[in-house]
Protein backbone atom coordinates (compact mmCIF):
# COMPACT_ATOMS: atom_id res chain seq x y z
CA UNK A 1 0.00 0.00 0.00
CA UNK A 2 1.23 3.48 -0.81
CA UNK A 3 1.26 6.07 1.98
CA UNK A 4 2.04 9.75 1.46
CA UNK A 5 3.42 11.90 4.24
CA UNK A 6 2.53 15.45 3.27
CA UNK A 7 5.63 17.42 2.37
CA UNK A 8 7.90 14.35 2.41
CA UNK A 9 6.82 11.94 -0.29
CA UNK A 10 5.43 8.45 -0.71
CA UNK A 11 6.38 5.18 0.93
CA UNK A 12 5.37 1.65 0.06
CA UNK A 13 4.28 -0.47 3.02
CA UNK A 14 3.07 -4.05 3.13
CA UNK A 15 -0.56 -4.80 3.89
CA UNK A 16 0.70 -6.48 7.07
CA UNK A 17 1.49 -3.00 8.43
CA UNK A 18 -2.17 -1.93 8.26
CA UNK A 19 -3.23 -3.27 11.67
CA UNK A 20 -0.24 -1.74 13.41
CA UNK A 21 -0.78 1.61 11.69
CA UNK A 22 -4.42 1.53 12.79
CA UNK A 23 -3.29 1.31 16.42
CA UNK A 24 -1.09 4.39 15.93
CA UNK A 25 -4.00 6.15 14.21
CA UNK A 26 -6.29 5.34 17.17
CA UNK A 27 -3.77 6.79 19.63
CA UNK A 28 -3.61 9.96 17.55
CA UNK A 29 -7.41 10.25 17.46
CA UNK A 30 -7.63 9.77 21.24
CA UNK A 31 -5.03 12.49 21.82
CA UNK A 32 -7.00 14.91 19.65
CA UNK A 33 -10.28 14.05 21.39
CA UNK A 34 -8.70 14.73 24.78
CA UNK A 35 -7.07 17.95 23.57
CA UNK A 36 -3.73 16.89 25.03
CA UNK A 37 -1.05 18.61 22.92
CA UNK A 38 1.89 16.62 24.35
CA UNK A 39 0.17 13.29 23.73
CA UNK A 40 -0.89 14.46 20.26
CA UNK A 41 2.71 15.39 19.34
CA UNK A 42 4.02 12.05 20.60
CA UNK A 43 1.29 10.07 18.77
CA UNK A 44 1.89 11.93 15.49
CA UNK A 45 5.64 11.46 15.81
CA UNK A 46 5.21 7.74 16.54
CA UNK A 47 2.89 7.21 13.56
CA UNK A 48 5.14 9.02 11.10
CA UNK A 49 8.29 7.38 12.47
CA UNK A 50 6.78 3.92 12.07
CA UNK A 51 5.78 4.64 8.47
CA UNK A 52 9.29 5.93 7.72
CA UNK A 53 10.90 2.89 9.37
CA UNK A 54 8.69 0.24 7.76
CA UNK A 55 8.11 1.89 4.38
CA UNK A 56 10.22 1.74 1.27
CA UNK A 57 10.53 5.28 -0.15
CA UNK A 58 9.31 5.69 -3.71
CA UNK A 59 11.37 7.79 -6.12
CA UNK A 60 10.44 11.51 -6.03
CA UNK A 61 9.20 11.34 -9.62
CA UNK A 62 6.87 8.36 -8.95
CA UNK A 63 3.21 9.19 -9.47
CA UNK A 64 1.53 6.29 -7.67
CA UNK A 65 -1.92 6.87 -6.16
CA UNK A 66 -1.72 7.03 -2.36
CA UNK A 67 -4.09 4.85 -0.35
CA UNK A 68 -3.48 7.00 2.74
CA UNK A 69 -2.31 10.57 3.22
CA UNK A 70 -0.71 11.45 6.54
CA UNK A 71 -0.11 14.94 7.93
CA UNK A 72 3.33 16.51 8.02
CA UNK A 73 5.26 16.31 11.28
CA UNK A 74 4.50 19.92 12.24
CA UNK A 75 0.75 19.71 11.60
CA UNK A 76 -1.48 21.29 14.21
CA UNK A 77 -4.13 19.41 16.11
CA UNK A 78 -6.79 21.31 14.17
CA UNK A 79 -5.25 20.35 10.80
CA UNK A 80 -5.17 16.70 11.78
CA UNK A 81 -8.69 16.89 13.23
CA UNK A 82 -9.93 18.01 9.80
CA UNK A 83 -8.13 15.08 8.14
CA UNK A 84 -9.78 12.66 10.60
CA UNK A 85 -13.36 13.76 9.93
CA UNK A 86 -14.36 10.66 7.99
CA UNK A 87 -12.71 7.39 9.00
CA UNK A 88 -9.42 8.43 10.53
CA UNK A 89 -6.12 8.71 8.72
CA UNK A 90 -5.90 4.94 8.22
CA UNK A 91 -9.48 3.67 7.78
CA UNK A 92 -9.91 0.22 9.29
PDB file of N, CA and C in Angstrom:
ATOM      1  N   UNK A   1       0.852  -1.171   0.000  1.00  0.00           N
ATOM      2  CA  UNK A   1       0.000   0.000   0.000  1.00  0.00           C
ATOM      3  C   UNK A   1       0.895   1.231   0.000  1.00  0.00           C
ATOM      4  N   UNK A   2       0.459   2.247  -0.690  1.00  0.00           N
ATOM      5  CA  UNK A   2       1.230   3.480  -0.808  1.00  0.00           C
ATOM      6  C   UNK A   2       0.688   4.506   0.190  1.00  0.00           C
ATOM      7  N   UNK A   3       1.590   5.049   0.981  1.00  0.00           N
ATOM      8  CA  UNK A   3       1.257   6.066   1.982  1.00  0.00           C
ATOM      9  C   UNK A   3       2.048   7.321   1.666  1.00  0.00           C
ATOM     10  N   UNK A   4       1.369   8.459   1.666  1.00  0.00           N
ATOM     11  CA  UNK A   4       2.038   9.747   1.464  1.00  0.00           C
ATOM     12  C   UNK A   4       2.088  10.486   2.789  1.00  0.00           C
ATOM     13  N   UNK A   5       3.279  10.963   3.126  1.00  0.00           N
ATOM     14  CA  UNK A   5       3.420  11.897   4.242  1.00  0.00           C
ATOM     15  C   UNK A   5       3.520  13.269   3.592  1.00  0.00           C
ATOM     16  N   UNK A   6       2.577  14.133   3.905  1.00  0.00           N
ATOM     17  CA  UNK A   6       2.531  15.451   3.272  1.00  0.00           C
ATOM     18  C   UNK A   6       3.866  16.168   3.450  1.00  0.00           C
ATOM     19  N   UNK A   7       4.387  16.679   2.350  1.00  0.00           N
ATOM     20  CA  UNK A   7       5.633  17.422   2.374  1.00  0.00           C
ATOM     21  C   UNK A   7       6.879  16.560   2.346  1.00  0.00           C
ATOM     22  N   UNK A   8       6.729  15.235   2.402  1.00  0.00           N
ATOM     23  CA  UNK A   8       7.895  14.346   2.414  1.00  0.00           C
ATOM     24  C   UNK A   8       7.952  13.420   1.219  1.00  0.00           C
ATOM     25  N   UNK A   9       6.834  12.872   0.822  1.00  0.00           N
ATOM     26  CA  UNK A   9       6.821  11.939  -0.291  1.00  0.00           C
ATOM     27  C   UNK A   9       6.035  10.685   0.035  1.00  0.00           C
ATOM     28  N   UNK A  10       6.192   9.683  -0.834  1.00  0.00           N
ATOM     29  CA  UNK A  10       5.431   8.446  -0.714  1.00  0.00           C
ATOM     30  C   UNK A  10       6.315   7.299  -0.259  1.00  0.00           C
ATOM     31  N   UNK A  11       5.695   6.387   0.477  1.00  0.00           N
ATOM     32  CA  UNK A  11       6.379   5.178   0.927  1.00  0.00           C
ATOM     33  C   UNK A  11       5.474   3.988   0.645  1.00  0.00           C
ATOM     34  N   UNK A  12       6.106   2.878   0.319  1.00  0.00           N
ATOM     35  CA  UNK A  12       5.374   1.648   0.058  1.00  0.00           C
ATOM     36  C   UNK A  12       5.478   0.771   1.293  1.00  0.00           C
ATOM     37  N   UNK A  13       4.334   0.401   1.847  1.00  0.00           N
ATOM     38  CA  UNK A  13       4.275  -0.474   3.016  1.00  0.00           C
ATOM     39  C   UNK A  13       3.530  -1.746   2.644  1.00  0.00           C
ATOM     40  N   UNK A  14       3.791  -2.808   3.374  1.00  0.00           N
ATOM     41  CA  UNK A  14       3.068  -4.046   3.128  1.00  0.00           C
ATOM     42  C   UNK A  14       1.687  -3.961   3.775  1.00  0.00           C
ATOM     43  N   UNK A  15       0.776  -4.763   3.291  1.00  0.00           N
ATOM     44  CA  UNK A  15      -0.561  -4.797   3.887  1.00  0.00           C
ATOM     45  C   UNK A  15      -0.504  -5.275   5.330  1.00  0.00           C
ATOM     46  N   UNK A  16       0.541  -6.005   5.694  1.00  0.00           N
ATOM     47  CA  UNK A  16       0.701  -6.484   7.067  1.00  0.00           C
ATOM     48  C   UNK A  16       0.876  -5.321   8.050  1.00  0.00           C
ATOM     49  N   UNK A  17       1.303  -4.165   7.561  1.00  0.00           N
ATOM     50  CA  UNK A  17       1.492  -2.995   8.430  1.00  0.00           C
ATOM     51  C   UNK A  17       0.177  -2.313   8.787  1.00  0.00           C
ATOM     52  N   UNK A  18      -0.902  -2.643   8.093  1.00  0.00           N
ATOM     53  CA  UNK A  18      -2.165  -1.927   8.264  1.00  0.00           C
ATOM     54  C   UNK A  18      -2.687  -1.983   9.693  1.00  0.00           C
ATOM     55  N   UNK A  19      -2.709  -3.147  10.306  1.00  0.00           N
ATOM     56  CA  UNK A  19      -3.232  -3.275  11.667  1.00  0.00           C
ATOM     57  C   UNK A  19      -2.408  -2.453  12.659  1.00  0.00           C
ATOM     58  N   UNK A  20      -1.107  -2.509  12.525  1.00  0.00           N
ATOM     59  CA  UNK A  20      -0.240  -1.741  13.408  1.00  0.00           C
ATOM     60  C   UNK A  20      -0.462  -0.238  13.219  1.00  0.00           C
ATOM     61  N   UNK A  21      -0.556   0.188  11.960  1.00  0.00           N
ATOM     62  CA  UNK A  21      -0.780   1.608  11.691  1.00  0.00           C
ATOM     63  C   UNK A  21      -2.129   2.058  12.239  1.00  0.00           C
ATOM     64  N   UNK A  22      -3.122   1.188  12.215  1.00  0.00           N
ATOM     65  CA  UNK A  22      -4.420   1.534  12.789  1.00  0.00           C
ATOM     66  C   UNK A  22      -4.312   1.800  14.284  1.00  0.00           C
ATOM     67  N   UNK A  23      -3.452   1.065  14.987  1.00  0.00           N
ATOM     68  CA  UNK A  23      -3.289   1.312  16.420  1.00  0.00           C
ATOM     69  C   UNK A  23      -2.646   2.682  16.664  1.00  0.00           C
ATOM     70  N   UNK A  24      -1.689   3.058  15.822  1.00  0.00           N
ATOM     71  CA  UNK A  24      -1.088   4.390  15.930  1.00  0.00           C
ATOM     72  C   UNK A  24      -2.120   5.476  15.612  1.00  0.00           C
ATOM     73  N   UNK A  25      -2.951   5.224  14.594  1.00  0.00           N
ATOM     74  CA  UNK A  25      -4.004   6.150  14.209  1.00  0.00           C
ATOM     75  C   UNK A  25      -4.994   6.337  15.359  1.00  0.00           C
ATOM     76  N   UNK A  26      -5.361   5.260  16.041  1.00  0.00           N
ATOM     77  CA  UNK A  26      -6.287   5.339  17.175  1.00  0.00           C
ATOM     78  C   UNK A  26      -5.705   6.171  18.306  1.00  0.00           C
ATOM     79  N   UNK A  27      -4.429   6.002  18.575  1.00  0.00           N
ATOM     80  CA  UNK A  27      -3.766   6.787  19.627  1.00  0.00           C
ATOM     81  C   UNK A  27      -3.789   8.268  19.274  1.00  0.00           C
ATOM     82  N   UNK A  28      -3.588   8.574  18.004  1.00  0.00           N
ATOM     83  CA  UNK A  28      -3.615   9.959  17.551  1.00  0.00           C
ATOM     84  C   UNK A  28      -5.019  10.542  17.709  1.00  0.00           C
ATOM     85  N   UNK A  29      -6.028   9.794  17.313  1.00  0.00           N
ATOM     86  CA  UNK A  29      -7.408  10.248  17.461  1.00  0.00           C
ATOM     87  C   UNK A  29      -7.757  10.501  18.928  1.00  0.00           C
ATOM     88  N   UNK A  30      -7.349   9.608  19.809  1.00  0.00           N
ATOM     89  CA  UNK A  30      -7.627   9.769  21.239  1.00  0.00           C
ATOM     90  C   UNK A  30      -6.969  11.023  21.793  1.00  0.00           C
ATOM     91  N   UNK A  31      -5.738  11.291  21.361  1.00  0.00           N
ATOM     92  CA  UNK A  31      -5.031  12.487  21.821  1.00  0.00           C
ATOM     93  C   UNK A  31      -5.758  13.751  21.371  1.00  0.00           C
ATOM     94  N   UNK A  32      -6.269  13.743  20.152  1.00  0.00           N
ATOM     95  CA  UNK A  32      -7.005  14.907  19.655  1.00  0.00           C
ATOM     96  C   UNK A  32      -8.306  15.084  20.424  1.00  0.00           C
ATOM     97  N   UNK A  33      -9.012  13.974  20.653  1.00  0.00           N
ATOM     98  CA  UNK A  33     -10.277  14.051  21.391  1.00  0.00           C
ATOM     99  C   UNK A  33     -10.075  14.593  22.798  1.00  0.00           C
ATOM    100  N   UNK A  34      -8.959  14.250  23.421  1.00  0.00           N
ATOM    101  CA  UNK A  34      -8.700  14.728  24.785  1.00  0.00           C
ATOM    102  C   UNK A  34      -8.122  16.142  24.802  1.00  0.00           C
ATOM    103  N   UNK A  35      -7.642  16.618  23.644  1.00  0.00           N
ATOM    104  CA  UNK A  35      -7.068  17.953  23.574  1.00  0.00           C
ATOM    105  C   UNK A  35      -5.689  18.054  24.195  1.00  0.00           C
ATOM    106  N   UNK A  36      -5.034  16.935  24.384  1.00  0.00           N
ATOM    107  CA  UNK A  36      -3.727  16.890  25.026  1.00  0.00           C
ATOM    108  C   UNK A  36      -2.626  17.079  23.977  1.00  0.00           C
ATOM    109  N   UNK A  37      -2.051  18.262  23.938  1.00  0.00           N
ATOM    110  CA  UNK A  37      -1.047  18.607  22.923  1.00  0.00           C
ATOM    111  C   UNK A  37       0.192  17.716  22.995  1.00  0.00           C
ATOM    112  N   UNK A  38       0.681  17.451  24.203  1.00  0.00           N
ATOM    113  CA  UNK A  38       1.892  16.625  24.350  1.00  0.00           C
ATOM    114  C   UNK A  38       1.646  15.200  23.841  1.00  0.00           C
ATOM    115  N   UNK A  39       0.509  14.639  24.190  1.00  0.00           N
ATOM    116  CA  UNK A  39       0.171  13.292  23.727  1.00  0.00           C
ATOM    117  C   UNK A  39      -0.051  13.284  22.221  1.00  0.00           C
ATOM    118  N   UNK A  40      -0.686  14.325  21.698  1.00  0.00           N
ATOM    119  CA  UNK A  40      -0.890  14.461  20.255  1.00  0.00           C
ATOM    120  C   UNK A  40       0.447  14.471  19.519  1.00  0.00           C
ATOM    121  N   UNK A  41       1.389  15.290  19.978  1.00  0.00           N
ATOM    122  CA  UNK A  41       2.710  15.391  19.335  1.00  0.00           C
ATOM    123  C   UNK A  41       3.414  14.033  19.335  1.00  0.00           C
ATOM    124  N   UNK A  42       3.371  13.358  20.474  1.00  0.00           N
ATOM    125  CA  UNK A  42       4.018  12.054  20.596  1.00  0.00           C
ATOM    126  C   UNK A  42       3.351  11.030  19.665  1.00  0.00           C
ATOM    127  N   UNK A  43       2.017  11.015  19.615  1.00  0.00           N
ATOM    128  CA  UNK A  43       1.287  10.065  18.775  1.00  0.00           C
ATOM    129  C   UNK A  43       1.557  10.329  17.287  1.00  0.00           C
ATOM    130  N   UNK A  44       1.598  11.594  16.889  1.00  0.00           N
ATOM    131  CA  UNK A  44       1.886  11.926  15.492  1.00  0.00           C
ATOM    132  C   UNK A  44       3.315  11.520  15.146  1.00  0.00           C
ATOM    133  N   UNK A  45       4.239  11.837  16.035  1.00  0.00           N
ATOM    134  CA  UNK A  45       5.637  11.459  15.811  1.00  0.00           C
ATOM    135  C   UNK A  45       5.764   9.944  15.671  1.00  0.00           C
ATOM    136  N   UNK A  46       5.113   9.201  16.563  1.00  0.00           N
ATOM    137  CA  UNK A  46       5.207   7.744  16.542  1.00  0.00           C
ATOM    138  C   UNK A  46       4.635   7.165  15.248  1.00  0.00           C
ATOM    139  N   UNK A  47       3.500   7.680  14.804  1.00  0.00           N
ATOM    140  CA  UNK A  47       2.886   7.208  13.561  1.00  0.00           C
ATOM    141  C   UNK A  47       3.806   7.454  12.372  1.00  0.00           C
ATOM    142  N   UNK A  48       4.290   8.683  12.239  1.00  0.00           N
ATOM    143  CA  UNK A  48       5.144   9.021  11.104  1.00  0.00           C
ATOM    144  C   UNK A  48       6.462   8.250  11.150  1.00  0.00           C
ATOM    145  N   UNK A  49       7.024   8.110  12.329  1.00  0.00           N
ATOM    146  CA  UNK A  49       8.286   7.379  12.465  1.00  0.00           C
ATOM    147  C   UNK A  49       8.121   5.923  12.050  1.00  0.00           C
ATOM    148  N   UNK A  50       7.016   5.324  12.435  1.00  0.00           N
ATOM    149  CA  UNK A  50       6.783   3.924  12.073  1.00  0.00           C
ATOM    150  C   UNK A  50       6.642   3.765  10.559  1.00  0.00           C
ATOM    151  N   UNK A  51       5.938   4.696   9.930  1.00  0.00           N
ATOM    152  CA  UNK A  51       5.784   4.643   8.471  1.00  0.00           C
ATOM    153  C   UNK A  51       7.149   4.809   7.800  1.00  0.00           C
ATOM    154  N   UNK A  52       7.948   5.729   8.294  1.00  0.00           N
ATOM    155  CA  UNK A  52       9.289   5.933   7.721  1.00  0.00           C
ATOM    156  C   UNK A  52      10.172   4.695   7.907  1.00  0.00           C
ATOM    157  N   UNK A  53      10.075   4.063   9.079  1.00  0.00           N
ATOM    158  CA  UNK A  53      10.903   2.890   9.371  1.00  0.00           C
ATOM    159  C   UNK A  53      10.495   1.681   8.531  1.00  0.00           C
ATOM    160  N   UNK A  54       9.187   1.443   8.425  1.00  0.00           N
ATOM    161  CA  UNK A  54       8.690   0.240   7.757  1.00  0.00           C
ATOM    162  C   UNK A  54       8.530   0.406   6.254  1.00  0.00           C
ATOM    163  N   UNK A  55       8.384   1.648   5.795  1.00  0.00           N
ATOM    164  CA  UNK A  55       8.107   1.888   4.383  1.00  0.00           C
ATOM    165  C   UNK A  55       9.352   1.946   3.521  1.00  0.00           C
ATOM    166  N   UNK A  56       9.154   1.611   2.270  1.00  0.00           N
ATOM    167  CA  UNK A  56      10.215   1.740   1.271  1.00  0.00           C
ATOM    168  C   UNK A  56       9.910   3.009   0.476  1.00  0.00           C
ATOM    169  N   UNK A  57      10.794   4.019   0.552  1.00  0.00           N
ATOM    170  CA  UNK A  57      10.526   5.280  -0.153  1.00  0.00           C
ATOM    171  C   UNK A  57      10.423   5.056  -1.668  1.00  0.00           C
ATOM    172  N   UNK A  58       9.442   5.713  -2.261  1.00  0.00           N
ATOM    173  CA  UNK A  58       9.312   5.694  -3.710  1.00  0.00           C
ATOM    174  C   UNK A  58      10.146   6.835  -4.282  1.00  0.00           C
ATOM    175  N   UNK A  59      10.608   6.707  -5.505  1.00  0.00           N
ATOM    176  CA  UNK A  59      11.375   7.794  -6.121  1.00  0.00           C
ATOM    177  C   UNK A  59      10.537   9.076  -6.161  1.00  0.00           C
ATOM    178  N   UNK A  60      11.177  10.240  -6.031  1.00  0.00           N
ATOM    179  CA  UNK A  60      10.437  11.510  -6.026  1.00  0.00           C
ATOM    180  C   UNK A  60       9.573  11.723  -7.269  1.00  0.00           C
ATOM    181  N   UNK A  61       9.970  11.139  -8.403  1.00  0.00           N
ATOM    182  CA  UNK A  61       9.202  11.336  -9.623  1.00  0.00           C
ATOM    183  C   UNK A  61       8.099  10.294  -9.823  1.00  0.00           C
ATOM    184  N   UNK A  62       7.924   9.377  -8.861  1.00  0.00           N
ATOM    185  CA  UNK A  62       6.867   8.361  -8.949  1.00  0.00           C
ATOM    186  C   UNK A  62       5.505   9.036  -8.756  1.00  0.00           C
ATOM    187  N   UNK A  63       4.548   8.609  -9.546  1.00  0.00           N
ATOM    188  CA  UNK A  63       3.205   9.186  -9.471  1.00  0.00           C
ATOM    189  C   UNK A  63       2.181   8.110  -9.139  1.00  0.00           C
ATOM    190  N   UNK A  64       2.442   7.354  -8.100  1.00  0.00           N
ATOM    191  CA  UNK A  64       1.533   6.293  -7.670  1.00  0.00           C
ATOM    192  C   UNK A  64       0.390   6.903  -6.857  1.00  0.00           C
ATOM    193  N   UNK A  65      -0.827   6.377  -7.010  1.00  0.00           N
ATOM    194  CA  UNK A  65      -1.921   6.865  -6.157  1.00  0.00           C
ATOM    195  C   UNK A  65      -1.685   6.430  -4.710  1.00  0.00           C
ATOM    196  N   UNK A  66      -1.926   7.317  -3.785  1.00  0.00           N
ATOM    197  CA  UNK A  66      -1.723   7.025  -2.365  1.00  0.00           C
ATOM    198  C   UNK A  66      -3.015   6.491  -1.759  1.00  0.00           C
ATOM    199  N   UNK A  67      -2.924   5.363  -1.061  1.00  0.00           N
ATOM    200  CA  UNK A  67      -4.093   4.846  -0.349  1.00  0.00           C
ATOM    201  C   UNK A  67      -4.383   5.688   0.895  1.00  0.00           C
ATOM    202  N   UNK A  68      -3.325   6.200   1.524  1.00  0.00           N
ATOM    203  CA  UNK A  68      -3.483   6.997   2.737  1.00  0.00           C
ATOM    204  C   UNK A  68      -2.586   8.217   2.650  1.00  0.00           C
ATOM    205  N   UNK A  69      -3.091   9.341   3.162  1.00  0.00           N
ATOM    206  CA  UNK A  69      -2.309  10.574   3.216  1.00  0.00           C
ATOM    207  C   UNK A  69      -2.209  10.980   4.677  1.00  0.00           C
ATOM    208  N   UNK A  70      -0.973  11.106   5.138  1.00  0.00           N
ATOM    209  CA  UNK A  70      -0.709  11.450   6.536  1.00  0.00           C
ATOM    210  C   UNK A  70      -0.242  12.894   6.636  1.00  0.00           C
ATOM    211  N   UNK A  71      -0.531  13.544   7.755  1.00  0.00           N
ATOM    212  CA  UNK A  71      -0.108  14.939   7.928  1.00  0.00           C
ATOM    213  C   UNK A  71       1.405  15.054   8.066  1.00  0.00           C
ATOM    214  N   UNK A  72       1.906  16.251   7.821  1.00  0.00           N
ATOM    215  CA  UNK A  72       3.329  16.510   8.022  1.00  0.00           C
ATOM    216  C   UNK A  72       3.613  16.565   9.523  1.00  0.00           C
ATOM    217  N   UNK A  73       4.865  16.427   9.874  1.00  0.00           N
ATOM    218  CA  UNK A  73       5.261  16.309  11.280  1.00  0.00           C
ATOM    219  C   UNK A  73       4.900  17.533  12.118  1.00  0.00           C
ATOM    220  N   UNK A  74       4.804  18.702  11.491  1.00  0.00           N
ATOM    221  CA  UNK A  74       4.502  19.923  12.239  1.00  0.00           C
ATOM    222  C   UNK A  74       3.026  20.314  12.177  1.00  0.00           C
ATOM    223  N   UNK A  75       2.181  19.404  11.722  1.00  0.00           N
ATOM    224  CA  UNK A  75       0.750  19.707  11.604  1.00  0.00           C
ATOM    225  C   UNK A  75       0.172  20.043  12.977  1.00  0.00           C
ATOM    226  N   UNK A  76      -0.796  20.933  12.971  1.00  0.00           N
ATOM    227  CA  UNK A  76      -1.478  21.291  14.213  1.00  0.00           C
ATOM    228  C   UNK A  76      -2.573  20.274  14.515  1.00  0.00           C
ATOM    229  N   UNK A  77      -3.034  20.293  15.735  1.00  0.00           N
ATOM    230  CA  UNK A  77      -4.129  19.409  16.112  1.00  0.00           C
ATOM    231  C   UNK A  77      -5.359  19.685  15.259  1.00  0.00           C
ATOM    232  N   UNK A  78      -5.622  20.954  14.976  1.00  0.00           N
ATOM    233  CA  UNK A  78      -6.795  21.309  14.166  1.00  0.00           C
ATOM    234  C   UNK A  78      -6.659  20.782  12.738  1.00  0.00           C
ATOM    235  N   UNK A  79      -5.466  20.882  12.157  1.00  0.00           N
ATOM    236  CA  UNK A  79      -5.253  20.354  10.804  1.00  0.00           C
ATOM    237  C   UNK A  79      -5.498  18.849  10.754  1.00  0.00           C
ATOM    238  N   UNK A  80      -5.005  18.152  11.747  1.00  0.00           N
ATOM    239  CA  UNK A  80      -5.172  16.700  11.777  1.00  0.00           C
ATOM    240  C   UNK A  80      -6.631  16.348  12.070  1.00  0.00           C
ATOM    241  N   UNK A  81      -7.271  17.116  12.929  1.00  0.00           N
ATOM    242  CA  UNK A  81      -8.693  16.886  13.227  1.00  0.00           C
ATOM    243  C   UNK A  81      -9.511  16.944  11.939  1.00  0.00           C
ATOM    244  N   UNK A  82      -9.219  17.901  11.074  1.00  0.00           N
ATOM    245  CA  UNK A  82      -9.931  18.012   9.798  1.00  0.00           C
ATOM    246  C   UNK A  82      -9.681  16.795   8.913  1.00  0.00           C
ATOM    247  N   UNK A  83      -8.457  16.266   8.938  1.00  0.00           N
ATOM    248  CA  UNK A  83      -8.132  15.083   8.139  1.00  0.00           C
ATOM    249  C   UNK A  83      -8.838  13.837   8.673  1.00  0.00           C
ATOM    250  N   UNK A  84      -9.184  13.830   9.956  1.00  0.00           N
ATOM    251  CA  UNK A  84      -9.781  12.665  10.595  1.00  0.00           C
ATOM    252  C   UNK A  84     -11.301  12.628  10.481  1.00  0.00           C
ATOM    253  N   UNK A  85     -11.907  13.623   9.905  1.00  0.00           N
ATOM    254  CA  UNK A  85     -13.359  13.764   9.932  1.00  0.00           C
ATOM    255  C   UNK A  85     -14.123  12.541   9.455  1.00  0.00           C
ATOM    256  N   UNK A  86     -13.611  11.797   8.510  1.00  0.00           N
ATOM    257  CA  UNK A  86     -14.361  10.664   7.994  1.00  0.00           C
ATOM    258  C   UNK A  86     -14.065   9.379   8.764  1.00  0.00           C
ATOM    259  N   UNK A  87     -13.009   8.686   8.396  1.00  0.00           N
ATOM    260  CA  UNK A  87     -12.709   7.387   8.997  1.00  0.00           C
ATOM    261  C   UNK A  87     -11.350   7.329   9.646  1.00  0.00           C
ATOM    262  N   UNK A  88     -10.768   8.443   9.998  1.00  0.00           N
ATOM    263  CA  UNK A  88      -9.415   8.433  10.528  1.00  0.00           C
ATOM    264  C   UNK A  88      -8.414   8.518   9.391  1.00  0.00           C
ATOM    265  N   UNK A  89      -7.158   8.620   9.736  1.00  0.00           N
ATOM    266  CA  UNK A  89      -6.123   8.711   8.720  1.00  0.00           C
ATOM    267  C   UNK A  89      -5.945   7.377   8.008  1.00  0.00           C
ATOM    268  N   UNK A  90      -6.064   6.297   8.760  1.00  0.00           N
ATOM    269  CA  UNK A  90      -5.905   4.940   8.221  1.00  0.00           C
ATOM    270  C   UNK A  90      -7.231   4.210   8.467  1.00  0.00           C
ATOM    271  N   UNK A  91      -8.184   4.325   7.549  1.00  0.00           N
ATOM    272  CA  UNK A  91      -9.482   3.666   7.781  1.00  0.00           C
ATOM    273  C   UNK A  91      -9.300   2.159   7.973  1.00  0.00           C
ATOM    274  N   UNK A  92     -10.012   1.635   8.965  1.00  0.00           N
ATOM    275  CA  UNK A  92      -9.909   0.221   9.290  1.00  0.00           C
ATOM    276  C   UNK A  92     -10.726  -0.605   8.365  1.00  0.00           C
TER     277      UNK A  92
END
